N, C-alpha and C. Protein backbone atom coordinates (compact mmCIF):
# COMPACT_ATOMS: atom_id res chain seq x y z
N MET A 1 0.49 -1.42 -0.37
CA MET A 1 -0.02 0.47 0.16
C MET A 1 1.07 1.33 -0.58
N ALA A 2 1.25 2.07 -1.15
CA ALA A 2 1.28 3.27 -1.30
C ALA A 2 0.98 4.20 -0.58
N GLU A 3 1.69 5.18 0.50
CA GLU A 3 0.94 5.76 1.35
C GLU A 3 2.17 7.39 1.65
N ASP A 4 1.10 8.02 1.36
CA ASP A 4 1.85 8.95 0.54
C ASP A 4 1.26 10.41 2.27
N GLU A 5 2.70 10.88 2.59
CA GLU A 5 2.04 12.15 3.92
C GLU A 5 1.95 13.37 2.83
N GLY A 6 2.19 13.25 1.81
CA GLY A 6 1.97 14.71 1.45
C GLY A 6 0.59 14.85 0.84
N SER A 7 1.06 14.61 -0.91
CA SER A 7 -0.79 15.10 -1.54
C SER A 7 -0.78 14.12 -2.95
N VAL A 8 -2.26 13.89 -3.41
CA VAL A 8 -2.19 13.67 -4.33
C VAL A 8 -3.32 14.22 -5.05
N ARG A 9 -3.52 14.44 -6.58
CA ARG A 9 -4.34 14.48 -7.68
C ARG A 9 -6.04 14.09 -7.17
N VAL A 10 -6.57 14.88 -7.17
CA VAL A 10 -7.90 14.85 -6.07
C VAL A 10 -8.87 13.49 -7.33
N ASP A 11 -8.44 13.33 -8.81
CA ASP A 11 -8.95 12.34 -9.20
C ASP A 11 -8.80 10.57 -9.08
N SER A 12 -7.22 11.13 -9.23
CA SER A 12 -6.31 9.92 -8.51
C SER A 12 -6.92 9.16 -7.31
N TRP A 13 -7.13 9.89 -6.24
CA TRP A 13 -7.49 9.64 -4.91
C TRP A 13 -9.14 9.21 -5.05
N ILE A 14 -10.13 10.19 -5.46
CA ILE A 14 -11.35 9.62 -5.84
C ILE A 14 -11.21 8.10 -6.02
N TRP A 15 -10.55 7.34 -7.47
CA TRP A 15 -10.49 6.53 -8.09
C TRP A 15 -9.51 5.66 -6.95
N SER A 16 -8.71 5.66 -6.02
CA SER A 16 -8.19 5.29 -5.17
C SER A 16 -8.79 4.38 -3.98
N VAL A 17 -9.98 4.97 -4.17
CA VAL A 17 -11.10 4.94 -3.21
C VAL A 17 -12.17 3.94 -2.85
N ARG A 18 -12.43 3.97 -4.78
CA ARG A 18 -13.28 3.45 -4.98
C ARG A 18 -14.88 4.17 -4.74
N LEU A 19 -14.39 5.73 -4.95
CA LEU A 19 -15.71 6.68 -5.13
C LEU A 19 -16.26 6.19 -6.85
N ALA A 20 -15.14 6.47 -7.50
CA ALA A 20 -15.52 6.08 -9.19
C ALA A 20 -14.91 4.83 -9.46
N LYS A 21 -15.39 4.27 -10.37
CA LYS A 21 -15.00 2.78 -11.01
C LYS A 21 -13.84 3.26 -11.64
N THR A 22 -13.75 3.86 -12.50
CA THR A 22 -12.35 4.46 -13.33
C THR A 22 -11.52 5.59 -13.42
N ARG A 23 -9.97 5.68 -12.99
CA ARG A 23 -9.68 7.15 -13.01
C ARG A 23 -10.57 8.25 -13.85
N SER A 24 -10.07 7.65 -15.45
CA SER A 24 -10.73 8.15 -16.36
C SER A 24 -12.39 8.62 -16.13
N SER A 25 -13.05 7.93 -15.41
CA SER A 25 -14.42 8.80 -15.03
C SER A 25 -14.69 9.60 -13.98
N ALA A 26 -13.17 9.85 -13.05
CA ALA A 26 -13.03 10.31 -11.88
C ALA A 26 -12.75 11.92 -12.70
N ALA A 27 -12.22 11.69 -13.55
CA ALA A 27 -11.07 12.61 -14.52
C ALA A 27 -12.55 13.60 -14.99
N ALA A 28 -13.33 12.73 -15.21
CA ALA A 28 -14.45 13.49 -16.37
C ALA A 28 -15.33 14.08 -15.32
N ALA A 29 -15.51 13.36 -14.31
CA ALA A 29 -16.80 14.12 -13.24
C ALA A 29 -15.44 15.45 -12.78
N CYS A 30 -14.26 15.83 -12.34
CA CYS A 30 -13.77 16.87 -12.04
C CYS A 30 -13.92 18.25 -12.89
N ARG A 31 -14.15 17.44 -14.30
CA ARG A 31 -14.20 18.23 -15.53
C ARG A 31 -15.78 18.96 -16.07
N ALA A 32 -16.71 18.06 -15.45
CA ALA A 32 -17.77 17.90 -15.48
C ALA A 32 -18.06 19.50 -14.09
N GLY A 33 -17.53 19.45 -12.98
CA GLY A 33 -18.01 20.33 -12.10
C GLY A 33 -18.46 19.14 -10.79
N HIS A 34 -18.25 17.99 -11.09
CA HIS A 34 -19.10 17.33 -9.73
C HIS A 34 -18.65 16.85 -8.51
N VAL A 35 -17.34 17.15 -8.83
CA VAL A 35 -16.35 17.07 -7.96
C VAL A 35 -15.65 18.36 -7.14
N ARG A 36 -15.99 18.67 -5.69
CA ARG A 36 -15.68 19.93 -4.89
C ARG A 36 -14.63 19.69 -4.15
N VAL A 37 -13.99 20.30 -3.70
CA VAL A 37 -12.38 20.54 -2.32
C VAL A 37 -12.73 21.68 -1.61
N ASN A 38 -13.14 21.03 -0.40
CA ASN A 38 -13.42 22.47 0.02
C ASN A 38 -14.48 23.39 -0.16
N GLY A 39 -15.11 22.77 -0.42
CA GLY A 39 -16.16 24.08 -1.74
C GLY A 39 -15.82 24.82 -3.03
N GLU A 40 -15.07 24.20 -3.68
CA GLU A 40 -14.40 24.91 -5.05
C GLU A 40 -14.10 23.46 -5.47
N ARG A 41 -15.35 24.22 -7.03
CA ARG A 41 -14.96 22.91 -7.89
C ARG A 41 -13.56 23.39 -8.27
N VAL A 42 -12.84 21.97 -8.72
CA VAL A 42 -11.76 21.46 -9.35
C VAL A 42 -11.54 20.83 -10.22
N LYS A 43 -9.98 20.78 -10.95
CA LYS A 43 -9.87 20.00 -12.64
C LYS A 43 -9.52 18.97 -11.56
N PRO A 44 -9.00 18.10 -12.02
CA PRO A 44 -8.41 16.03 -11.92
C PRO A 44 -6.95 16.39 -11.56
N ALA A 45 -6.30 17.24 -11.60
CA ALA A 45 -4.91 17.81 -10.90
C ALA A 45 -4.29 18.59 -9.61
N HIS A 46 -5.75 18.70 -9.10
CA HIS A 46 -5.80 19.67 -8.02
C HIS A 46 -5.72 18.60 -7.11
N ALA A 47 -4.44 18.96 -5.64
CA ALA A 47 -4.02 18.29 -5.01
C ALA A 47 -4.80 18.23 -4.00
N VAL A 48 -5.29 16.98 -3.06
CA VAL A 48 -5.79 16.60 -1.96
C VAL A 48 -5.03 16.34 -0.93
N ARG A 49 -5.08 16.86 0.60
CA ARG A 49 -4.19 16.51 1.51
C ARG A 49 -5.14 16.20 2.40
N ALA A 50 -4.28 15.14 3.56
CA ALA A 50 -5.47 14.82 4.82
C ALA A 50 -6.65 15.95 5.35
N GLY A 51 -7.58 15.60 5.87
CA GLY A 51 -8.14 16.75 6.30
C GLY A 51 -9.13 17.68 5.09
N ASP A 52 -8.94 17.48 3.99
CA ASP A 52 -9.51 18.03 2.78
C ASP A 52 -11.19 17.70 2.73
N GLU A 53 -12.26 18.11 2.64
CA GLU A 53 -13.69 17.68 2.69
C GLU A 53 -13.85 17.70 1.55
N VAL A 54 -14.48 16.38 0.16
CA VAL A 54 -14.71 16.25 -1.12
C VAL A 54 -15.53 15.84 -0.93
N ARG A 55 -16.40 16.36 -2.21
CA ARG A 55 -18.10 16.54 -2.17
C ARG A 55 -18.23 15.76 -3.56
N VAL A 56 -18.35 14.57 -3.96
CA VAL A 56 -18.46 13.96 -5.63
C VAL A 56 -20.28 13.82 -5.89
N ARG A 57 -20.61 14.28 -6.79
CA ARG A 57 -21.95 14.13 -6.97
C ARG A 57 -22.23 12.91 -7.71
N GLN A 58 -22.96 12.03 -7.46
CA GLN A 58 -22.94 11.02 -8.72
C GLN A 58 -25.03 10.80 -8.48
N PRO A 59 -25.22 10.47 -9.76
CA PRO A 59 -26.76 10.44 -9.98
C PRO A 59 -27.68 10.15 -8.66
N GLY A 60 -28.21 10.88 -8.21
CA GLY A 60 -29.48 10.90 -7.28
C GLY A 60 -29.12 11.13 -5.88
N TRP A 61 -27.56 11.58 -5.61
CA TRP A 61 -27.70 12.18 -4.09
C TRP A 61 -25.71 12.52 -4.54
N GLU A 62 -25.33 12.75 -3.47
CA GLU A 62 -23.79 13.49 -3.08
C GLU A 62 -23.04 12.70 -1.77
N ARG A 63 -22.29 12.33 -2.88
CA ARG A 63 -21.39 11.86 -1.36
C ARG A 63 -20.25 12.89 -0.99
N VAL A 64 -20.44 12.90 0.69
CA VAL A 64 -19.45 13.97 1.28
C VAL A 64 -18.37 13.15 2.08
N VAL A 65 -16.86 13.27 1.95
CA VAL A 65 -16.05 11.92 2.29
C VAL A 65 -15.24 13.44 2.92
N VAL A 66 -14.87 13.07 4.41
CA VAL A 66 -13.24 13.52 4.64
C VAL A 66 -11.48 12.68 3.94
N VAL A 67 -11.01 13.35 3.94
CA VAL A 67 -9.36 12.77 3.80
C VAL A 67 -8.93 12.62 5.20
N SER A 68 -8.94 11.34 5.80
CA SER A 68 -7.88 10.73 6.43
C SER A 68 -6.41 10.35 6.25
N ARG A 69 -6.58 9.87 4.97
CA ARG A 69 -5.42 9.23 4.50
C ARG A 69 -4.88 9.01 3.42
N VAL A 70 -3.71 9.54 2.60
CA VAL A 70 -4.16 9.80 1.23
C VAL A 70 -2.97 8.90 0.46
N ILE A 71 -4.04 8.49 -0.31
CA ILE A 71 -3.18 7.04 -0.83
C ILE A 71 -3.17 7.08 -2.56
N ARG A 72 -1.87 6.52 -3.04
CA ARG A 72 -2.17 6.79 -4.33
C ARG A 72 -2.38 5.38 -5.71
N LYS A 73 -2.48 4.29 -4.97
CA LYS A 73 -2.88 3.10 -5.76
C LYS A 73 -4.49 2.85 -4.94
N ARG A 74 -4.99 1.94 -6.10
CA ARG A 74 -6.50 1.53 -5.75
C ARG A 74 -6.07 0.37 -4.88
N VAL A 75 -6.76 0.07 -3.87
CA VAL A 75 -6.89 -0.39 -2.85
C VAL A 75 -8.07 -1.60 -2.17
N GLY A 76 -7.93 -2.93 -1.48
CA GLY A 76 -9.30 -3.18 -1.06
C GLY A 76 -10.32 -2.77 -0.91
N ALA A 77 -11.85 -2.76 -0.64
CA ALA A 77 -12.67 -2.02 -0.37
C ALA A 77 -12.56 -1.83 1.58
N ALA A 78 -12.13 -3.11 1.94
CA ALA A 78 -12.25 -2.72 3.36
C ALA A 78 -10.74 -1.61 3.17
N VAL A 79 -9.98 -1.73 2.82
CA VAL A 79 -8.70 -0.50 3.88
C VAL A 79 -9.28 0.46 2.81
N ALA A 80 -9.92 0.78 1.62
CA ALA A 80 -10.40 1.79 0.61
C ALA A 80 -11.20 3.01 1.86
N VAL A 81 -12.07 2.59 2.64
CA VAL A 81 -12.69 2.89 3.82
C VAL A 81 -12.51 3.47 4.77
N GLU A 82 -10.45 2.88 5.06
CA GLU A 82 -10.48 3.45 6.44
C GLU A 82 -9.75 4.88 6.28
N CYS A 83 -9.95 5.43 4.68
CA CYS A 83 -8.99 6.36 4.30
C CYS A 83 -10.01 7.41 3.63
N PHE A 84 -11.38 7.29 4.49
CA PHE A 84 -12.02 8.42 4.41
C PHE A 84 -13.29 8.31 5.67
N VAL A 85 -13.76 10.08 5.77
CA VAL A 85 -14.16 9.72 6.44
C VAL A 85 -15.54 9.73 5.93
N ASP A 86 -16.70 8.75 6.15
CA ASP A 86 -18.43 9.49 4.92
C ASP A 86 -19.07 10.29 5.86
N ASN A 87 -19.35 11.39 5.67
CA ASN A 87 -20.83 12.83 5.86
C ASN A 87 -21.58 12.06 5.15
N SER A 88 -21.73 11.57 4.41
CA SER A 88 -22.88 11.76 2.71
C SER A 88 -23.85 11.90 3.58
N PRO A 89 -24.92 12.43 3.27
CA PRO A 89 -26.72 12.35 3.90
C PRO A 89 -26.92 10.56 3.37
N PRO A 90 -27.88 10.33 3.76
CA PRO A 90 -28.50 8.64 3.35
C PRO A 90 -28.65 8.81 2.19
N ARG A 91 -28.62 7.92 1.42
CA ARG A 91 -28.97 7.17 -0.45
C ARG A 91 -30.53 7.32 -0.52
N PRO A 92 -31.00 8.19 -1.13
CA PRO A 92 -32.75 8.54 -1.51
C PRO A 92 -33.40 7.64 -1.50
N PRO A 93 -34.81 7.00 -0.94
CA PRO A 93 -35.28 5.32 -1.30
C PRO A 93 -35.40 5.44 -2.89
N ARG A 94 -35.30 4.05 -3.62
CA ARG A 94 -36.05 3.93 -4.73
C ARG A 94 -36.98 4.68 -5.57
N GLU A 95 -37.72 4.02 -4.56
CA GLU A 95 -39.33 4.82 -5.09
C GLU A 95 -39.39 6.32 -5.89
N LEU A 96 -38.15 7.17 -4.99
CA LEU A 96 -38.50 8.65 -5.30
C LEU A 96 -37.75 8.67 -6.13
N LEU A 97 -36.78 7.68 -6.76
CA LEU A 97 -35.93 7.87 -8.14
C LEU A 97 -36.65 7.82 -8.87
N PRO A 98 -36.95 8.54 -10.50
CA PRO A 98 -37.57 8.13 -11.24
C PRO A 98 -37.39 6.57 -12.14
N ALA A 99 -38.37 6.43 -12.26
CA ALA A 99 -38.34 5.17 -13.07
C ALA A 99 -38.52 5.25 -14.64
N LEU A 100 -37.45 4.69 -15.16
CA LEU A 100 -37.10 4.23 -16.14
C LEU A 100 -37.92 3.01 -17.20
N PRO A 101 -38.22 3.95 -18.45
CA PRO A 101 -39.27 2.98 -18.51
C PRO A 101 -38.39 1.61 -19.49
N GLN A 102 -39.71 1.13 -19.11
CA GLN A 102 -38.69 -0.70 -19.79
C GLN A 102 -39.40 -1.49 -21.17
N ARG A 103 -39.15 -2.06 -21.35
CA ARG A 103 -39.53 -2.53 -22.52
C ARG A 103 -40.06 -3.94 -22.68
N ASP A 104 -40.75 -4.78 -23.47
CA ASP A 104 -40.93 -6.49 -23.08
C ASP A 104 -40.00 -6.84 -23.61
N ARG A 105 -38.96 -7.98 -23.14
CA ARG A 105 -37.91 -8.58 -23.94
C ARG A 105 -38.43 -9.31 -25.46
N GLY A 106 -37.06 -8.88 -26.41
CA GLY A 106 -37.34 -9.34 -27.48
C GLY A 106 -38.61 -8.66 -28.42
N ALA A 107 -39.15 -7.41 -27.99
CA ALA A 107 -40.11 -6.48 -28.30
C ALA A 107 -38.69 -6.12 -29.87
N GLY A 108 -37.77 -5.92 -29.74
CA GLY A 108 -37.33 -5.25 -30.84
C GLY A 108 -36.50 -3.63 -30.63
N ARG A 109 -36.25 -3.53 -31.69
CA ARG A 109 -35.61 -1.78 -31.45
C ARG A 109 -37.00 -1.25 -31.54
N PRO A 110 -37.13 -0.33 -30.67
CA PRO A 110 -38.30 1.14 -30.56
C PRO A 110 -38.55 1.49 -31.64
N THR A 111 -39.81 1.68 -32.23
CA THR A 111 -40.10 3.03 -33.39
C THR A 111 -39.79 4.63 -33.03
N LYS A 112 -40.21 5.23 -33.91
CA LYS A 112 -39.78 6.27 -33.77
C LYS A 112 -41.21 6.82 -32.92
N ARG A 113 -42.21 6.07 -32.84
CA ARG A 113 -43.26 6.76 -31.99
C ARG A 113 -43.17 5.87 -30.53
N ASP A 114 -42.70 5.67 -30.53
CA ASP A 114 -42.21 4.68 -29.13
C ASP A 114 -40.98 5.19 -28.87
N ARG A 115 -40.08 6.06 -29.63
CA ARG A 115 -38.95 7.29 -28.93
C ARG A 115 -39.69 8.35 -28.41
N ARG A 116 -40.82 8.40 -29.36
CA ARG A 116 -41.25 10.12 -28.50
C ARG A 116 -42.10 9.91 -27.46
N GLU A 117 -42.67 8.43 -27.47
CA GLU A 117 -43.78 8.31 -26.24
C GLU A 117 -42.57 8.06 -24.60
N MET A 118 -41.19 7.27 -25.04
CA MET A 118 -40.01 7.36 -24.20
C MET A 118 -39.81 9.08 -23.75
N ASP A 119 -39.50 9.88 -24.59
CA ASP A 119 -38.95 11.38 -24.73
C ASP A 119 -40.17 11.76 -23.80
N ARG A 120 -41.45 11.88 -24.04
CA ARG A 120 -42.47 12.50 -22.99
C ARG A 120 -42.53 12.41 -21.64
N LEU A 121 -42.29 10.61 -21.81
CA LEU A 121 -42.35 10.20 -20.15
C LEU A 121 -41.37 10.39 -19.21
N ARG A 122 -39.77 11.05 -20.15
CA ARG A 122 -38.59 11.49 -19.57
C ARG A 122 -39.06 12.78 -19.32
N GLY A 123 -40.06 13.42 -19.87
CA GLY A 123 -40.19 14.86 -20.06
C GLY A 123 -39.18 15.74 -20.95
N THR A 124 -38.49 14.75 -21.71
CA THR A 124 -37.34 16.02 -22.13
C THR A 124 -37.94 16.41 -23.78
């Protein structure tokens, strides 16, 4: 386990503690403005240190974590939990999230009319 007393890139740290599936998705979240360190939007190369508050917006909710240990390499889930303090609000129940329309298996590709109905349901 590579532990560093200094700092590490925020996208690398988010990936290392398993808040993002890939480092490129963590970097994309930073570029899209979904990651904040100490209340400010940051770029993927921003340095994160122990004690920083990192907010990662994910679909449907926001993760709020405080960095307790800086690591550079991806570690197992048991070790990753020790690297931050999770102050996130509880996840909303699935009943409150918008339901995605589902098609019958084997129904084939949706027609233009079907796609318009799905768009109307989504509100787009």
